[in-house]
Amino acid sequence: RRGKAKPEKEWTEVDRLKAENRLLKAKLQNQEMEIAFAKKLVEIRNREVDKGTNSGQLKS
């Protein structure tokens, strides 16, 4: 059985919980990446807006 996964019907409760935990961790990591991406996108858009509004003004 080296390198082969057990069929799901042979999984113990521990195996099921480990698999569920692994899936939940992956889902959480994906959500964190999406949030970080959205924040970065907002930051970039805000930077572009600031460039457009400050182009005619002098900095003091």
PDB file of N, CA and C in Angstrom:
ATOM      1  N   ARG A   1       0.816  -1.205   0.000  1.00  0.00           N
ATOM      2  CA  ARG A   1       0.000   0.000   0.000  1.00  0.00           C
ATOM      3  C   ARG A   1       0.850   1.256   0.000  1.00  0.00           C
ATOM      4  N   ARG A   2       2.138   1.097  -0.192  1.00  0.00           N
ATOM      5  CA  ARG A   2       2.990   2.276  -0.126  1.00  0.00           C
ATOM      6  C   ARG A   2       2.618   3.292  -1.193  1.00  0.00           C
ATOM      7  N   GLY A   3       2.363   4.535  -0.757  1.00  0.00           N
ATOM      8  CA  GLY A   3       2.055   5.605  -1.687  1.00  0.00           C
ATOM      9  C   GLY A   3       0.615   5.637  -2.164  1.00  0.00           C
ATOM     10  N   LYS A   4      -0.215   4.745  -1.657  1.00  0.00           N
ATOM     11  CA  LYS A   4      -1.615   4.722  -2.088  1.00  0.00           C
ATOM     12  C   LYS A   4      -2.511   5.110  -0.917  1.00  0.00           C
ATOM     13  N   ALA A   5      -3.512   5.907  -1.214  1.00  0.00           N
ATOM     14  CA  ALA A   5      -4.449   6.330  -0.174  1.00  0.00           C
ATOM     15  C   ALA A   5      -5.444   5.210   0.122  1.00  0.00           C
ATOM     16  N   LYS A   6      -5.907   5.189   1.364  1.00  0.00           N
ATOM     17  CA  LYS A   6      -6.941   4.228   1.740  1.00  0.00           C
ATOM     18  C   LYS A   6      -8.251   4.635   1.081  1.00  0.00           C
ATOM     19  N   PRO A   7      -9.060   3.671   0.695  1.00  0.00           N
ATOM     20  CA  PRO A   7     -10.406   4.027   0.232  1.00  0.00           C
ATOM     21  C   PRO A   7     -11.190   4.661   1.388  1.00  0.00           C
ATOM     22  N   GLU A   8     -12.078   5.589   1.085  1.00  0.00           N
ATOM     23  CA  GLU A   8     -12.798   6.315   2.135  1.00  0.00           C
ATOM     24  C   GLU A   8     -13.600   5.392   3.039  1.00  0.00           C
ATOM     25  N   LYS A   9     -14.081   4.295   2.512  1.00  0.00           N
ATOM     26  CA  LYS A   9     -14.884   3.396   3.350  1.00  0.00           C
ATOM     27  C   LYS A   9     -14.032   2.704   4.418  1.00  0.00           C
ATOM     28  N   GLU A  10     -12.707   2.702   4.267  1.00  0.00           N
ATOM     29  CA  GLU A  10     -11.817   2.097   5.268  1.00  0.00           C
ATOM     30  C   GLU A  10     -11.284   3.114   6.272  1.00  0.00           C
ATOM     31  N   TRP A  11     -11.652   4.381   6.109  1.00  0.00           N
ATOM     32  CA  TRP A  11     -11.153   5.419   7.001  1.00  0.00           C
ATOM     33  C   TRP A  11     -11.711   5.243   8.405  1.00  0.00           C
ATOM     34  N   THR A  12     -10.865   5.503   9.381  1.00  0.00           N
ATOM     35  CA  THR A  12     -11.323   5.536  10.764  1.00  0.00           C
ATOM     36  C   THR A  12     -11.836   6.943  11.050  1.00  0.00           C
ATOM     37  N   GLU A  13     -12.391   7.125  12.245  1.00  0.00           N
ATOM     38  CA  GLU A  13     -12.871   8.456  12.638  1.00  0.00           C
ATOM     39  C   GLU A  13     -11.715   9.451  12.639  1.00  0.00           C
ATOM     40  N   VAL A  14     -10.543   9.009  13.090  1.00  0.00           N
ATOM     41  CA  VAL A  14      -9.361   9.882  13.116  1.00  0.00           C
ATOM     42  C   VAL A  14      -8.980  10.288  11.699  1.00  0.00           C
ATOM     43  N   ASP A  15      -9.008   9.339  10.771  1.00  0.00           N
ATOM     44  CA  ASP A  15      -8.689   9.646   9.374  1.00  0.00           C
ATOM     45  C   ASP A  15      -9.662  10.682   8.805  1.00  0.00           C
ATOM     46  N   ARG A  16     -10.955  10.499   9.099  1.00  0.00           N
ATOM     47  CA  ARG A  16     -11.962  11.446   8.610  1.00  0.00           C
ATOM     48  C   ARG A  16     -11.734  12.837   9.192  1.00  0.00           C
ATOM     49  N   LEU A  17     -11.430  12.894  10.486  1.00  0.00           N
ATOM     50  CA  LEU A  17     -11.200  14.190  11.127  1.00  0.00           C
ATOM     51  C   LEU A  17      -9.946  14.866  10.586  1.00  0.00           C
ATOM     52  N   LYS A  18      -8.896  14.079  10.348  1.00  0.00           N
ATOM     53  CA  LYS A  18      -7.668  14.649   9.778  1.00  0.00           C
ATOM     54  C   LYS A  18      -7.929  15.209   8.383  1.00  0.00           C
ATOM     55  N   ALA A  19      -8.688  14.480   7.585  1.00  0.00           N
ATOM     56  CA  ALA A  19      -9.002  14.940   6.229  1.00  0.00           C
ATOM     57  C   ALA A  19      -9.847  16.212   6.284  1.00  0.00           C
ATOM     58  N   GLU A  20     -10.826  16.236   7.184  1.00  0.00           N
ATOM     59  CA  GLU A  20     -11.664  17.426   7.319  1.00  0.00           C
ATOM     60  C   GLU A  20     -10.829  18.616   7.773  1.00  0.00           C
ATOM     61  N   ASN A  21      -9.925  18.377   8.727  1.00  0.00           N
ATOM     62  CA  ASN A  21      -9.043  19.433   9.233  1.00  0.00           C
ATOM     63  C   ASN A  21      -8.167  19.979   8.110  1.00  0.00           C
ATOM     64  N   ARG A  22      -7.622  19.093   7.293  1.00  0.00           N
ATOM     65  CA  ARG A  22      -6.769  19.500   6.174  1.00  0.00           C
ATOM     66  C   ARG A  22      -7.558  20.361   5.178  1.00  0.00           C
ATOM     67  N   LEU A  23      -8.794  19.947   4.886  1.00  0.00           N
ATOM     68  CA  LEU A  23      -9.635  20.716   3.965  1.00  0.00           C
ATOM     69  C   LEU A  23      -9.985  22.087   4.538  1.00  0.00           C
ATOM     70  N   LEU A  24     -10.302  22.129   5.827  1.00  0.00           N
ATOM     71  CA  LEU A  24     -10.650  23.408   6.453  1.00  0.00           C
ATOM     72  C   LEU A  24      -9.455  24.352   6.496  1.00  0.00           C
ATOM     73  N   LYS A  25      -8.266  23.802   6.754  1.00  0.00           N
ATOM     74  CA  LYS A  25      -7.059  24.638   6.758  1.00  0.00           C
ATOM     75  C   LYS A  25      -6.796  25.206   5.368  1.00  0.00           C
ATOM     76  N   ALA A  26      -6.979  24.392   4.346  1.00  0.00           N
ATOM     77  CA  ALA A  26      -6.773  24.856   2.974  1.00  0.00           C
ATOM     78  C   ALA A  26      -7.796  25.936   2.620  1.00  0.00           C
ATOM     79  N   LYS A  27      -9.036  25.744   3.055  1.00  0.00           N
ATOM     80  CA  LYS A  27     -10.081  26.733   2.786  1.00  0.00           C
ATOM     81  C   LYS A  27      -9.763  28.051   3.487  1.00  0.00           C
ATOM     82  N   LEU A  28      -9.304  27.969   4.730  1.00  0.00           N
ATOM     83  CA  LEU A  28      -8.942  29.166   5.485  1.00  0.00           C
ATOM     84  C   LEU A  28      -7.781  29.900   4.824  1.00  0.00           C
ATOM     85  N   GLN A  29      -6.776  29.148   4.392  1.00  0.00           N
ATOM     86  CA  GLN A  29      -5.626  29.765   3.729  1.00  0.00           C
ATOM     87  C   GLN A  29      -6.068  30.466   2.442  1.00  0.00           C
ATOM     88  N   ASN A  30      -6.972  29.828   1.709  1.00  0.00           N
ATOM     89  CA  ASN A  30      -7.483  30.431   0.475  1.00  0.00           C
ATOM     90  C   ASN A  30      -8.233  31.730   0.777  1.00  0.00           C
ATOM     91  N   GLN A  31      -9.050  31.720   1.827  1.00  0.00           N
ATOM     92  CA  GLN A  31      -9.782  32.932   2.204  1.00  0.00           C
ATOM     93  C   GLN A  31      -8.821  34.040   2.612  1.00  0.00           C
ATOM     94  N   GLU A  32      -7.772  33.680   3.359  1.00  0.00           N
ATOM     95  CA  GLU A  32      -6.788  34.679   3.780  1.00  0.00           C
ATOM     96  C   GLU A  32      -6.081  35.291   2.573  1.00  0.00           C
ATOM     97  N   MET A  33      -5.760  34.449   1.578  1.00  0.00           N
ATOM     98  CA  MET A  33      -5.127  34.963   0.361  1.00  0.00           C
ATOM     99  C   MET A  33      -6.063  35.896  -0.396  1.00  0.00           C
ATOM    100  N   GLU A  34      -7.340  35.530  -0.479  1.00  0.00           N
ATOM    101  CA  GLU A  34      -8.306  36.380  -1.173  1.00  0.00           C
ATOM    102  C   GLU A  34      -8.448  37.729  -0.474  1.00  0.00           C
ATOM    103  N   ILE A  35      -8.467  37.722   0.850  1.00  0.00           N
ATOM    104  CA  ILE A  35      -8.580  38.968   1.610  1.00  0.00           C
ATOM    105  C   ILE A  35      -7.344  39.829   1.393  1.00  0.00           C
ATOM    106  N   ALA A  36      -6.158  39.205   1.444  1.00  0.00           N
ATOM    107  CA  ALA A  36      -4.917  39.954   1.227  1.00  0.00           C
ATOM    108  C   ALA A  36      -4.894  40.550  -0.180  1.00  0.00           C
ATOM    109  N   PHE A  37      -5.346  39.787  -1.158  1.00  0.00           N
ATOM    110  CA  PHE A  37      -5.394  40.275  -2.535  1.00  0.00           C
ATOM    111  C   PHE A  37      -6.353  41.459  -2.654  1.00  0.00           C
ATOM    112  N   ALA A  38      -7.517  41.337  -2.033  1.00  0.00           N
ATOM    113  CA  ALA A  38      -8.505  42.418  -2.098  1.00  0.00           C
ATOM    114  C   ALA A  38      -7.963  43.686  -1.448  1.00  0.00           C
ATOM    115  N   LYS A  39      -7.285  43.539  -0.312  1.00  0.00           N
ATOM    116  CA  LYS A  39      -6.702  44.703   0.363  1.00  0.00           C
ATOM    117  C   LYS A  39      -5.651  45.365  -0.517  1.00  0.00           C
ATOM    118  N   LYS A  40      -4.817  44.554  -1.153  1.00  0.00           N
ATOM    119  CA  LYS A  40      -3.773  45.094  -2.021  1.00  0.00           C
ATOM    120  C   LYS A  40      -4.397  45.801  -3.219  1.00  0.00           C
ATOM    121  N   LEU A  41      -5.441  45.225  -3.770  1.00  0.00           N
ATOM    122  CA  LEU A  41      -6.128  45.834  -4.903  1.00  0.00           C
ATOM    123  C   LEU A  41      -6.712  47.194  -4.519  1.00  0.00           C
ATOM    124  N   VAL A  42      -7.334  47.269  -3.351  1.00  0.00           N
ATOM    125  CA  VAL A  42      -7.885  48.539  -2.866  1.00  0.00           C
ATOM    126  C   VAL A  42      -6.761  49.547  -2.670  1.00  0.00           C
ATOM    127  N   GLU A  43      -5.645  49.087  -2.111  1.00  0.00           N
ATOM    128  CA  GLU A  43      -4.496  49.973  -1.891  1.00  0.00           C
ATOM    129  C   GLU A  43      -3.991  50.547  -3.216  1.00  0.00           C
ATOM    130  N   ILE A  44      -3.883  49.704  -4.229  1.00  0.00           N
ATOM    131  CA  ILE A  44      -3.400  50.153  -5.539  1.00  0.00           C
ATOM    132  C   ILE A  44      -4.390  51.132  -6.163  1.00  0.00           C
ATOM    133  N   ARG A  45      -5.674  50.822  -6.074  1.00  0.00           N
ATOM    134  CA  ARG A  45      -6.689  51.728  -6.630  1.00  0.00           C
ATOM    135  C   ARG A  45      -6.666  53.068  -5.917  1.00  0.00           C
ATOM    136  N   ASN A  46      -6.504  53.048  -4.596  1.00  0.00           N
ATOM    137  CA  ASN A  46      -6.441  54.298  -3.835  1.00  0.00           C
ATOM    138  C   ASN A  46      -5.212  55.106  -4.233  1.00  0.00           C
ATOM    139  N   ARG A  47      -4.108  54.424  -4.482  1.00  0.00           N
ATOM    140  CA  ARG A  47      -2.886  55.101  -4.920  1.00  0.00           C
ATOM    141  C   ARG A  47      -3.122  55.808  -6.254  1.00  0.00           C
ATOM    142  N   GLU A  48      -3.806  55.116  -7.168  1.00  0.00           N
ATOM    143  CA  GLU A  48      -4.096  55.703  -8.478  1.00  0.00           C
ATOM    144  C   GLU A  48      -5.028  56.896  -8.342  1.00  0.00           C
ATOM    145  N   VAL A  49      -5.998  56.821  -7.464  1.00  0.00           N
ATOM    146  CA  VAL A  49      -6.926  57.932  -7.242  1.00  0.00           C
ATOM    147  C   VAL A  49      -6.172  59.113  -6.656  1.00  0.00           C
ATOM    148  N   ASP A  50      -5.286  58.848  -5.690  1.00  0.00           N
ATOM    149  CA  ASP A  50      -4.497  59.920  -5.082  1.00  0.00           C
ATOM    150  C   ASP A  50      -3.619  60.608  -6.121  1.00  0.00           C
ATOM    151  N   LYS A  51      -3.043  59.846  -7.024  1.00  0.00           N
ATOM    152  CA  LYS A  51      -2.209  60.440  -8.074  1.00  0.00           C
ATOM    153  C   LYS A  51      -3.039  61.376  -8.943  1.00  0.00           C
ATOM    154  N   GLY A  52      -4.253  60.981  -9.245  1.00  0.00           N
ATOM    155  CA  GLY A  52      -5.117  61.792 -10.097  1.00  0.00           C
ATOM    156  C   GLY A  52      -5.564  63.067  -9.421  1.00  0.00           C
ATOM    157  N   THR A  53      -5.820  63.055  -8.131  1.00  0.00           N
ATOM    158  CA  THR A  53      -6.311  64.252  -7.442  1.00  0.00           C
ATOM    159  C   THR A  53      -5.184  65.179  -7.031  1.00  0.00           C
ATOM    160  N   ASN A  54      -3.999  64.670  -6.822  1.00  0.00           N
ATOM    161  CA  ASN A  54      -2.878  65.492  -6.369  1.00  0.00           C
ATOM    162  C   ASN A  54      -1.999  65.988  -7.513  1.00  0.00           C
ATOM    163  N   SER A  55      -2.338  65.674  -8.739  1.00  0.00           N
ATOM    164  CA  SER A  55      -1.453  66.015  -9.855  1.00  0.00           C
ATOM    165  C   SER A  55      -1.295  67.519 -10.048  1.00  0.00           C
ATOM    166  N   GLY A  56      -2.317  68.307  -9.710  1.00  0.00           N
ATOM    167  CA  GLY A  56      -2.231  69.745  -9.914  1.00  0.00           C
ATOM    168  C   GLY A  56      -1.877  70.516  -8.655  1.00  0.00           C
ATOM    169  N   GLN A  57      -1.674  69.837  -7.554  1.00  0.00           N
ATOM    170  CA  GLN A  57      -1.417  70.521  -6.286  1.00  0.00           C
ATOM    171  C   GLN A  57       0.049  70.427  -5.910  1.00  0.00           C
ATOM    172  N   LEU A  58       0.511  71.423  -5.178  1.00  0.00           N
ATOM    173  CA  LEU A  58       1.874  71.411  -4.658  1.00  0.00           C
ATOM    174  C   LEU A  58       1.876  70.810  -3.265  1.00  0.00           C
ATOM    175  N   LYS A  59       2.904  70.026  -2.981  1.00  0.00           N
ATOM    176  CA  LYS A  59       3.019  69.456  -1.640  1.00  0.00           C
ATOM    177  C   LYS A  59       3.685  70.465  -0.727  1.00  0.00           C
ATOM    178  N   SER A  60       3.240  70.547   0.509  1.00  0.00           N
ATOM    179  CA  SER A  60       3.861  71.487   1.434  1.00  0.00           C
ATOM    180  C   SER A  60       4.543  70.771   2.563  1.00  0.00           C
TER     181      SER A  60
END
